[in-house]
Amino acid sequence: MKKLIKFLRENNLTVSSCESFTGGLFANLFTNYKNSSVLFKGAFCCYSDDFKVDVLNIDKNIIKKYSAVSVETIEDMLKNTQKLLNTDIVFAFTGYAPPSNVDNDLKGLSYIGYRYKDKNFILKFVNKSKISRKKYKILAINKIINEFLNNLKNN
């Protein structure tokens, strides 16, 4: 998180998050840093499908057709959060954190992503090992932050 905050400060960028399975952990970790309010504009903790539809304006047909844990859903989570909170960068998370009551094929499946310069970057994140829910969330957050920072270095 320190490297992300340093990058944001150096480039005068703002950030927000849209979190389902992470339950606001990204926002919590980010705002533990001094003066983070200059960079962090807000977050949505959109755990339920109703919240995704009613507050984030995600088309209910997308969730119905593809599910809340899909590339299609996270694309709208990213785009709509950026529009609603007017930030340069958005991080988003949707998935089945362990343990979950879903089919074996879906256990440990998540989509994580970020939106930067009006473009979405989305990763399929799968971890089927028997780790705690908190550890799964932290792994996902670290993965997408590292992906973001590495993509910036390479471009």
N, C-alpha and C. Protein backbone atom coordinates (compact mmCIF):
# COMPACT_ATOMS: atom_id res chain seq x y z
N MET A 1 0.83 -1.19 0.00
CA MET A 1 0.00 0.00 0.00
C MET A 1 0.88 1.26 0.00
N LYS A 2 2.01 1.21 0.68
CA LYS A 2 2.90 2.38 0.74
C LYS A 2 3.34 2.82 -0.64
N LYS A 3 3.68 1.86 -1.50
CA LYS A 3 4.15 2.19 -2.85
C LYS A 3 3.02 2.83 -3.66
N LEU A 4 1.81 2.33 -3.49
CA LEU A 4 0.67 2.90 -4.19
C LEU A 4 0.45 4.34 -3.74
N ILE A 5 0.46 4.57 -2.46
CA ILE A 5 0.24 5.92 -1.93
C ILE A 5 1.34 6.87 -2.40
N LYS A 6 2.57 6.40 -2.40
CA LYS A 6 3.69 7.22 -2.89
C LYS A 6 3.47 7.60 -4.35
N PHE A 7 3.07 6.63 -5.17
CA PHE A 7 2.82 6.90 -6.58
C PHE A 7 1.70 7.93 -6.75
N LEU A 8 0.62 7.76 -6.01
CA LEU A 8 -0.51 8.69 -6.11
C LEU A 8 -0.11 10.10 -5.72
N ARG A 9 0.65 10.21 -4.64
CA ARG A 9 1.10 11.54 -4.18
C ARG A 9 2.00 12.20 -5.22
N GLU A 10 2.95 11.43 -5.75
CA GLU A 10 3.90 11.97 -6.73
C GLU A 10 3.22 12.42 -8.02
N ASN A 11 2.10 11.79 -8.34
CA ASN A 11 1.40 12.08 -9.58
C ASN A 11 0.10 12.84 -9.39
N ASN A 12 -0.17 13.26 -8.15
CA ASN A 12 -1.36 14.05 -7.84
C ASN A 12 -2.64 13.37 -8.35
N LEU A 13 -2.81 12.10 -8.01
CA LEU A 13 -3.96 11.31 -8.45
C LEU A 13 -4.85 10.96 -7.28
N THR A 14 -6.14 10.79 -7.56
CA THR A 14 -7.09 10.39 -6.54
C THR A 14 -7.55 8.96 -6.79
N VAL A 15 -8.03 8.33 -5.73
CA VAL A 15 -8.42 6.93 -5.81
C VAL A 15 -9.71 6.70 -5.03
N SER A 16 -10.44 5.66 -5.46
CA SER A 16 -11.63 5.20 -4.75
C SER A 16 -11.68 3.68 -4.89
N SER A 17 -12.61 3.06 -4.18
CA SER A 17 -12.74 1.61 -4.30
C SER A 17 -14.20 1.20 -4.32
N CYS A 18 -14.42 0.03 -4.92
CA CYS A 18 -15.73 -0.59 -4.99
C CYS A 18 -15.52 -2.04 -4.59
N GLU A 19 -15.97 -2.39 -3.40
CA GLU A 19 -15.58 -3.67 -2.81
C GLU A 19 -16.78 -4.55 -2.47
N SER A 20 -16.69 -5.77 -2.93
CA SER A 20 -17.68 -6.76 -2.55
C SER A 20 -17.04 -7.72 -1.54
N PHE A 21 -16.34 -8.75 -1.99
CA PHE A 21 -15.83 -9.74 -1.04
C PHE A 21 -14.78 -9.18 -0.08
N THR A 22 -14.12 -8.09 -0.43
CA THR A 22 -13.13 -7.50 0.48
C THR A 22 -13.80 -6.70 1.60
N GLY A 23 -15.07 -6.42 1.47
CA GLY A 23 -15.84 -5.81 2.55
C GLY A 23 -15.29 -4.50 3.08
N GLY A 24 -14.64 -3.72 2.21
CA GLY A 24 -14.11 -2.43 2.64
C GLY A 24 -12.68 -2.49 3.17
N LEU A 25 -12.04 -3.65 3.07
CA LEU A 25 -10.68 -3.79 3.60
C LEU A 25 -9.68 -2.90 2.85
N PHE A 26 -9.82 -2.80 1.53
CA PHE A 26 -8.93 -1.92 0.77
C PHE A 26 -9.04 -0.49 1.31
N ALA A 27 -10.26 0.00 1.46
CA ALA A 27 -10.48 1.36 1.97
C ALA A 27 -9.91 1.51 3.37
N ASN A 28 -10.10 0.51 4.21
CA ASN A 28 -9.59 0.55 5.57
C ASN A 28 -8.06 0.61 5.58
N LEU A 29 -7.42 -0.25 4.80
CA LEU A 29 -5.96 -0.27 4.76
C LEU A 29 -5.41 1.05 4.22
N PHE A 30 -6.05 1.57 3.20
CA PHE A 30 -5.60 2.82 2.58
C PHE A 30 -5.70 3.98 3.56
N THR A 31 -6.82 4.06 4.24
CA THR A 31 -7.07 5.21 5.11
C THR A 31 -6.35 5.12 6.45
N ASN A 32 -5.60 4.05 6.67
CA ASN A 32 -4.75 3.96 7.86
C ASN A 32 -3.52 4.86 7.73
N TYR A 33 -3.27 5.37 6.54
CA TYR A 33 -2.11 6.24 6.30
C TYR A 33 -2.46 7.70 6.54
N LYS A 34 -1.54 8.41 7.13
CA LYS A 34 -1.71 9.82 7.44
C LYS A 34 -1.97 10.62 6.16
N ASN A 35 -2.90 11.55 6.24
CA ASN A 35 -3.27 12.44 5.12
C ASN A 35 -3.82 11.71 3.91
N SER A 36 -4.34 10.51 4.11
CA SER A 36 -4.89 9.76 2.98
C SER A 36 -6.14 10.42 2.39
N SER A 37 -6.78 11.29 3.14
CA SER A 37 -7.99 11.94 2.63
C SER A 37 -7.71 12.84 1.43
N VAL A 38 -6.47 13.26 1.26
CA VAL A 38 -6.10 14.06 0.09
C VAL A 38 -6.19 13.20 -1.18
N LEU A 39 -5.93 11.91 -1.03
CA LEU A 39 -5.89 10.99 -2.17
C LEU A 39 -7.15 10.15 -2.32
N PHE A 40 -7.73 9.74 -1.20
CA PHE A 40 -8.84 8.79 -1.19
C PHE A 40 -10.16 9.53 -1.07
N LYS A 41 -11.02 9.37 -2.08
CA LYS A 41 -12.28 10.13 -2.12
C LYS A 41 -13.47 9.37 -1.55
N GLY A 42 -13.40 8.04 -1.52
CA GLY A 42 -14.52 7.28 -0.99
C GLY A 42 -14.54 5.86 -1.47
N ALA A 43 -15.51 5.11 -0.94
CA ALA A 43 -15.61 3.69 -1.28
C ALA A 43 -17.05 3.23 -1.22
N PHE A 44 -17.33 2.21 -1.98
CA PHE A 44 -18.60 1.50 -1.89
C PHE A 44 -18.29 0.10 -1.40
N CYS A 45 -19.02 -0.32 -0.38
CA CYS A 45 -18.94 -1.71 0.08
C CYS A 45 -20.24 -2.35 -0.40
N CYS A 46 -20.15 -2.95 -1.57
CA CYS A 46 -21.36 -3.42 -2.27
C CYS A 46 -21.47 -4.94 -2.18
N TYR A 47 -21.78 -5.40 -1.01
CA TYR A 47 -21.80 -6.83 -0.74
C TYR A 47 -23.00 -7.53 -1.39
N SER A 48 -24.13 -6.87 -1.45
CA SER A 48 -25.33 -7.52 -1.99
C SER A 48 -25.57 -7.13 -3.45
N ASP A 49 -26.27 -8.00 -4.15
CA ASP A 49 -26.64 -7.70 -5.53
C ASP A 49 -27.57 -6.49 -5.59
N ASP A 50 -28.46 -6.36 -4.62
CA ASP A 50 -29.38 -5.22 -4.59
C ASP A 50 -28.61 -3.90 -4.52
N PHE A 51 -27.58 -3.85 -3.70
CA PHE A 51 -26.76 -2.64 -3.60
C PHE A 51 -26.11 -2.34 -4.94
N LYS A 52 -25.57 -3.37 -5.58
CA LYS A 52 -24.92 -3.19 -6.87
C LYS A 52 -25.89 -2.57 -7.89
N VAL A 53 -27.13 -3.02 -7.85
CA VAL A 53 -28.13 -2.53 -8.79
C VAL A 53 -28.66 -1.16 -8.37
N ASP A 54 -29.07 -1.04 -7.11
CA ASP A 54 -29.75 0.17 -6.65
C ASP A 54 -28.83 1.37 -6.46
N VAL A 55 -27.61 1.15 -6.01
CA VAL A 55 -26.71 2.26 -5.70
C VAL A 55 -25.67 2.47 -6.81
N LEU A 56 -25.10 1.37 -7.30
CA LEU A 56 -24.06 1.48 -8.33
C LEU A 56 -24.60 1.50 -9.75
N ASN A 57 -25.89 1.30 -9.87
CA ASN A 57 -26.55 1.32 -11.19
C ASN A 57 -26.04 0.25 -12.14
N ILE A 58 -25.69 -0.90 -11.60
CA ILE A 58 -25.31 -2.03 -12.45
C ILE A 58 -26.59 -2.67 -12.96
N ASP A 59 -26.63 -2.90 -14.24
CA ASP A 59 -27.82 -3.49 -14.87
C ASP A 59 -28.10 -4.86 -14.24
N LYS A 60 -29.30 -5.03 -13.70
CA LYS A 60 -29.65 -6.30 -13.05
C LYS A 60 -29.59 -7.46 -14.03
N ASN A 61 -29.76 -7.18 -15.30
CA ASN A 61 -29.68 -8.26 -16.30
C ASN A 61 -28.25 -8.78 -16.46
N ILE A 62 -27.28 -7.92 -16.23
CA ILE A 62 -25.88 -8.37 -16.27
C ILE A 62 -25.63 -9.35 -15.14
N ILE A 63 -26.09 -9.01 -13.94
CA ILE A 63 -25.92 -9.90 -12.80
C ILE A 63 -26.71 -11.19 -13.01
N LYS A 64 -27.90 -11.06 -13.54
CA LYS A 64 -28.74 -12.24 -13.78
C LYS A 64 -28.10 -13.17 -14.82
N LYS A 65 -27.57 -12.59 -15.87
CA LYS A 65 -27.00 -13.40 -16.96
C LYS A 65 -25.61 -13.95 -16.63
N TYR A 66 -24.75 -13.11 -16.03
CA TYR A 66 -23.35 -13.50 -15.82
C TYR A 66 -23.00 -13.79 -14.36
N SER A 67 -23.77 -13.31 -13.43
CA SER A 67 -23.61 -13.38 -11.97
C SER A 67 -22.87 -12.15 -11.47
N ALA A 68 -22.91 -11.96 -10.17
CA ALA A 68 -22.22 -10.83 -9.55
C ALA A 68 -20.71 -11.02 -9.58
N VAL A 69 -20.30 -12.26 -9.72
CA VAL A 69 -18.87 -12.58 -9.80
C VAL A 69 -18.54 -12.87 -11.26
N SER A 70 -18.31 -11.79 -12.00
CA SER A 70 -18.05 -11.91 -13.43
C SER A 70 -17.28 -10.70 -13.93
N VAL A 71 -16.65 -10.88 -15.06
CA VAL A 71 -15.95 -9.77 -15.71
C VAL A 71 -16.94 -8.66 -16.01
N GLU A 72 -18.10 -9.03 -16.48
CA GLU A 72 -19.10 -8.03 -16.87
C GLU A 72 -19.53 -7.17 -15.69
N THR A 73 -19.70 -7.79 -14.54
CA THR A 73 -20.11 -7.04 -13.35
C THR A 73 -19.00 -6.12 -12.87
N ILE A 74 -17.77 -6.63 -12.80
CA ILE A 74 -16.68 -5.78 -12.29
C ILE A 74 -16.39 -4.63 -13.26
N GLU A 75 -16.62 -4.85 -14.55
CA GLU A 75 -16.44 -3.74 -15.51
C GLU A 75 -17.35 -2.58 -15.14
N ASP A 76 -18.61 -2.88 -14.84
CA ASP A 76 -19.54 -1.82 -14.46
C ASP A 76 -19.25 -1.26 -13.06
N MET A 77 -18.77 -2.11 -12.16
CA MET A 77 -18.38 -1.62 -10.83
C MET A 77 -17.30 -0.55 -10.98
N LEU A 78 -16.32 -0.82 -11.80
CA LEU A 78 -15.22 0.12 -12.01
C LEU A 78 -15.70 1.41 -12.68
N LYS A 79 -16.40 1.25 -13.78
CA LYS A 79 -16.86 2.41 -14.56
C LYS A 79 -17.82 3.28 -13.75
N ASN A 80 -18.78 2.66 -13.10
CA ASN A 80 -19.80 3.42 -12.38
C ASN A 80 -19.24 4.08 -11.12
N THR A 81 -18.30 3.43 -10.46
CA THR A 81 -17.68 4.04 -9.29
C THR A 81 -16.88 5.27 -9.70
N GLN A 82 -16.15 5.15 -10.78
CA GLN A 82 -15.38 6.31 -11.25
C GLN A 82 -16.31 7.48 -11.59
N LYS A 83 -17.41 7.16 -12.21
CA LYS A 83 -18.37 8.20 -12.58
C LYS A 83 -19.00 8.84 -11.33
N LEU A 84 -19.37 8.02 -10.36
CA LEU A 84 -20.03 8.53 -9.15
C LEU A 84 -19.09 9.29 -8.22
N LEU A 85 -17.84 8.83 -8.11
CA LEU A 85 -16.92 9.45 -7.16
C LEU A 85 -15.88 10.35 -7.82
N ASN A 86 -15.85 10.35 -9.14
CA ASN A 86 -14.98 11.25 -9.89
C ASN A 86 -13.51 11.17 -9.44
N THR A 87 -12.95 9.96 -9.51
CA THR A 87 -11.55 9.76 -9.16
C THR A 87 -10.75 9.31 -10.37
N ASP A 88 -9.44 9.49 -10.28
CA ASP A 88 -8.56 9.09 -11.38
C ASP A 88 -8.46 7.57 -11.49
N ILE A 89 -8.47 6.91 -10.34
CA ILE A 89 -8.27 5.46 -10.29
C ILE A 89 -9.32 4.84 -9.38
N VAL A 90 -9.82 3.68 -9.79
CA VAL A 90 -10.75 2.91 -8.96
C VAL A 90 -10.20 1.49 -8.86
N PHE A 91 -10.26 0.92 -7.68
CA PHE A 91 -9.96 -0.49 -7.47
C PHE A 91 -11.26 -1.19 -7.11
N ALA A 92 -11.47 -2.39 -7.68
CA ALA A 92 -12.72 -3.12 -7.41
C ALA A 92 -12.44 -4.60 -7.19
N PHE A 93 -13.35 -5.22 -6.43
CA PHE A 93 -13.21 -6.62 -6.04
C PHE A 93 -14.58 -7.28 -6.00
N THR A 94 -14.74 -8.41 -6.68
CA THR A 94 -15.96 -9.19 -6.57
C THR A 94 -15.58 -10.66 -6.63
N GLY A 95 -16.16 -11.46 -5.76
CA GLY A 95 -15.76 -12.87 -5.78
C GLY A 95 -16.33 -13.69 -4.64
N TYR A 96 -15.81 -14.91 -4.58
CA TYR A 96 -16.21 -15.88 -3.57
C TYR A 96 -15.03 -16.14 -2.64
N ALA A 97 -14.92 -15.36 -1.60
CA ALA A 97 -13.86 -15.57 -0.62
C ALA A 97 -14.16 -16.83 0.19
N PRO A 98 -13.14 -17.60 0.49
CA PRO A 98 -13.37 -18.82 1.26
C PRO A 98 -13.69 -18.50 2.72
N PRO A 99 -14.38 -19.36 3.41
CA PRO A 99 -15.17 -20.45 2.83
C PRO A 99 -16.46 -19.88 2.27
N SER A 100 -16.95 -20.47 1.23
CA SER A 100 -18.20 -19.99 0.64
C SER A 100 -19.08 -21.16 0.28
N ASN A 101 -20.36 -20.89 0.22
CA ASN A 101 -21.33 -21.93 -0.09
C ASN A 101 -21.67 -21.93 -1.57
N VAL A 102 -20.66 -22.16 -2.39
CA VAL A 102 -20.86 -22.22 -3.84
C VAL A 102 -20.29 -23.53 -4.36
N ASP A 103 -20.60 -23.83 -5.61
CA ASP A 103 -20.07 -25.04 -6.24
C ASP A 103 -18.55 -25.07 -6.13
N ASN A 104 -18.00 -26.27 -6.08
CA ASN A 104 -16.55 -26.43 -5.98
C ASN A 104 -15.80 -25.68 -7.07
N ASP A 105 -16.35 -25.64 -8.27
CA ASP A 105 -15.70 -24.95 -9.39
C ASP A 105 -15.55 -23.46 -9.13
N LEU A 106 -16.45 -22.89 -8.34
CA LEU A 106 -16.46 -21.45 -8.09
C LEU A 106 -15.72 -21.04 -6.82
N LYS A 107 -15.45 -21.98 -5.94
CA LYS A 107 -14.80 -21.65 -4.68
C LYS A 107 -13.44 -21.02 -4.95
N GLY A 108 -13.21 -19.90 -4.29
CA GLY A 108 -11.94 -19.21 -4.44
C GLY A 108 -11.80 -18.40 -5.71
N LEU A 109 -12.89 -18.24 -6.46
CA LEU A 109 -12.87 -17.48 -7.71
C LEU A 109 -13.27 -16.04 -7.44
N SER A 110 -12.47 -15.13 -7.95
CA SER A 110 -12.78 -13.71 -7.84
C SER A 110 -12.30 -12.98 -9.09
N TYR A 111 -12.83 -11.79 -9.26
CA TYR A 111 -12.33 -10.87 -10.27
C TYR A 111 -11.92 -9.61 -9.53
N ILE A 112 -10.71 -9.18 -9.83
CA ILE A 112 -10.17 -7.99 -9.20
C ILE A 112 -9.71 -7.07 -10.32
N GLY A 113 -9.79 -5.78 -10.09
CA GLY A 113 -9.40 -4.89 -11.18
C GLY A 113 -9.22 -3.46 -10.74
N TYR A 114 -8.78 -2.69 -11.71
CA TYR A 114 -8.67 -1.25 -11.50
C TYR A 114 -9.02 -0.55 -12.79
N ARG A 115 -9.40 0.70 -12.66
CA ARG A 115 -9.72 1.55 -13.80
C ARG A 115 -8.81 2.77 -13.73
N TYR A 116 -8.13 3.02 -14.84
CA TYR A 116 -7.19 4.14 -14.90
C TYR A 116 -7.23 4.70 -16.31
N LYS A 117 -7.34 6.02 -16.40
CA LYS A 117 -7.44 6.69 -17.70
C LYS A 117 -8.57 6.09 -18.56
N ASP A 118 -9.71 5.92 -17.94
CA ASP A 118 -10.91 5.42 -18.63
C ASP A 118 -10.74 4.04 -19.24
N LYS A 119 -9.85 3.24 -18.70
CA LYS A 119 -9.66 1.88 -19.18
C LYS A 119 -9.64 0.92 -18.00
N ASN A 120 -10.38 -0.18 -18.16
CA ASN A 120 -10.43 -1.20 -17.12
C ASN A 120 -9.32 -2.23 -17.32
N PHE A 121 -8.74 -2.65 -16.21
CA PHE A 121 -7.77 -3.74 -16.19
C PHE A 121 -8.29 -4.75 -15.18
N ILE A 122 -8.63 -5.94 -15.65
CA ILE A 122 -9.29 -6.94 -14.81
C ILE A 122 -8.52 -8.25 -14.84
N LEU A 123 -8.39 -8.84 -13.66
CA LEU A 123 -7.72 -10.13 -13.52
C LEU A 123 -8.66 -11.14 -12.90
N LYS A 124 -8.57 -12.35 -13.40
CA LYS A 124 -9.24 -13.46 -12.73
C LYS A 124 -8.30 -13.89 -11.61
N PHE A 125 -8.80 -13.92 -10.41
CA PHE A 125 -8.00 -14.27 -9.23
C PHE A 125 -8.60 -15.53 -8.63
N VAL A 126 -7.79 -16.60 -8.58
CA VAL A 126 -8.27 -17.87 -8.05
C VAL A 126 -7.26 -18.37 -7.01
N ASN A 127 -7.77 -18.71 -5.86
CA ASN A 127 -6.95 -19.32 -4.83
C ASN A 127 -7.81 -20.34 -4.11
N LYS A 128 -7.56 -21.61 -4.38
CA LYS A 128 -8.38 -22.68 -3.80
C LYS A 128 -7.73 -23.30 -2.57
N SER A 129 -6.60 -22.75 -2.13
CA SER A 129 -5.95 -23.30 -0.94
C SER A 129 -6.79 -22.97 0.29
N LYS A 130 -6.56 -23.70 1.33
CA LYS A 130 -7.35 -23.51 2.56
C LYS A 130 -6.72 -22.41 3.40
N ILE A 131 -7.01 -21.19 3.01
CA ILE A 131 -6.53 -20.03 3.75
C ILE A 131 -7.72 -19.31 4.36
N SER A 132 -7.42 -18.46 5.31
CA SER A 132 -8.51 -17.72 5.96
C SER A 132 -9.10 -16.70 4.99
N ARG A 133 -10.28 -16.29 5.31
CA ARG A 133 -10.98 -15.26 4.52
C ARG A 133 -10.16 -13.97 4.49
N LYS A 134 -9.62 -13.58 5.66
CA LYS A 134 -8.83 -12.35 5.73
C LYS A 134 -7.58 -12.46 4.85
N LYS A 135 -6.91 -13.58 4.90
CA LYS A 135 -5.70 -13.79 4.09
C LYS A 135 -6.04 -13.72 2.60
N TYR A 136 -7.16 -14.31 2.20
CA TYR A 136 -7.61 -14.28 0.81
C TYR A 136 -7.81 -12.84 0.36
N LYS A 137 -8.46 -12.04 1.19
CA LYS A 137 -8.71 -10.64 0.86
C LYS A 137 -7.39 -9.87 0.69
N ILE A 138 -6.48 -10.08 1.62
CA ILE A 138 -5.19 -9.38 1.56
C ILE A 138 -4.40 -9.79 0.32
N LEU A 139 -4.42 -11.08 -0.01
CA LEU A 139 -3.73 -11.54 -1.23
C LEU A 139 -4.30 -10.87 -2.47
N ALA A 140 -5.62 -10.77 -2.53
CA ALA A 140 -6.27 -10.14 -3.69
C ALA A 140 -5.92 -8.66 -3.78
N ILE A 141 -5.95 -7.96 -2.67
CA ILE A 141 -5.62 -6.54 -2.64
C ILE A 141 -4.18 -6.32 -3.07
N ASN A 142 -3.26 -7.09 -2.51
CA ASN A 142 -1.85 -6.96 -2.88
C ASN A 142 -1.61 -7.29 -4.34
N LYS A 143 -2.31 -8.29 -4.84
CA LYS A 143 -2.16 -8.70 -6.24
C LYS A 143 -2.54 -7.55 -7.18
N ILE A 144 -3.66 -6.91 -6.95
CA ILE A 144 -4.10 -5.87 -7.88
C ILE A 144 -3.27 -4.59 -7.73
N ILE A 145 -2.82 -4.28 -6.53
CA ILE A 145 -1.94 -3.12 -6.35
C ILE A 145 -0.63 -3.36 -7.10
N ASN A 146 -0.06 -4.54 -6.94
CA ASN A 146 1.19 -4.87 -7.64
C ASN A 146 1.00 -4.86 -9.15
N GLU A 147 -0.12 -5.36 -9.61
CA GLU A 147 -0.42 -5.35 -11.05
C GLU A 147 -0.50 -3.91 -11.56
N PHE A 148 -1.17 -3.05 -10.82
CA PHE A 148 -1.29 -1.65 -11.19
C PHE A 148 0.09 -0.99 -11.28
N LEU A 149 0.88 -1.14 -10.24
CA LEU A 149 2.21 -0.50 -10.20
C LEU A 149 3.14 -1.07 -11.29
N ASN A 150 3.09 -2.37 -11.50
CA ASN A 150 3.93 -2.99 -12.54
C ASN A 150 3.51 -2.54 -13.94
N ASN A 151 2.21 -2.42 -14.17
CA ASN A 151 1.74 -1.95 -15.49
C ASN A 151 2.20 -0.52 -15.76
N LEU A 152 2.24 0.30 -14.75
CA LEU A 152 2.68 1.68 -14.92
C LEU A 152 4.16 1.75 -15.23
N LYS A 153 4.94 0.90 -14.59
CA LYS A 153 6.38 0.86 -14.86
C LYS A 153 6.67 0.44 -16.30
N ASN A 154 5.86 -0.49 -16.80
CA ASN A 154 6.09 -1.05 -18.14
C ASN A 154 5.52 -0.19 -19.26
N ASN A 155 4.76 0.83 -18.92
CA ASN A 155 4.14 1.69 -19.96
C ASN A 155 4.67 3.09 -19.92
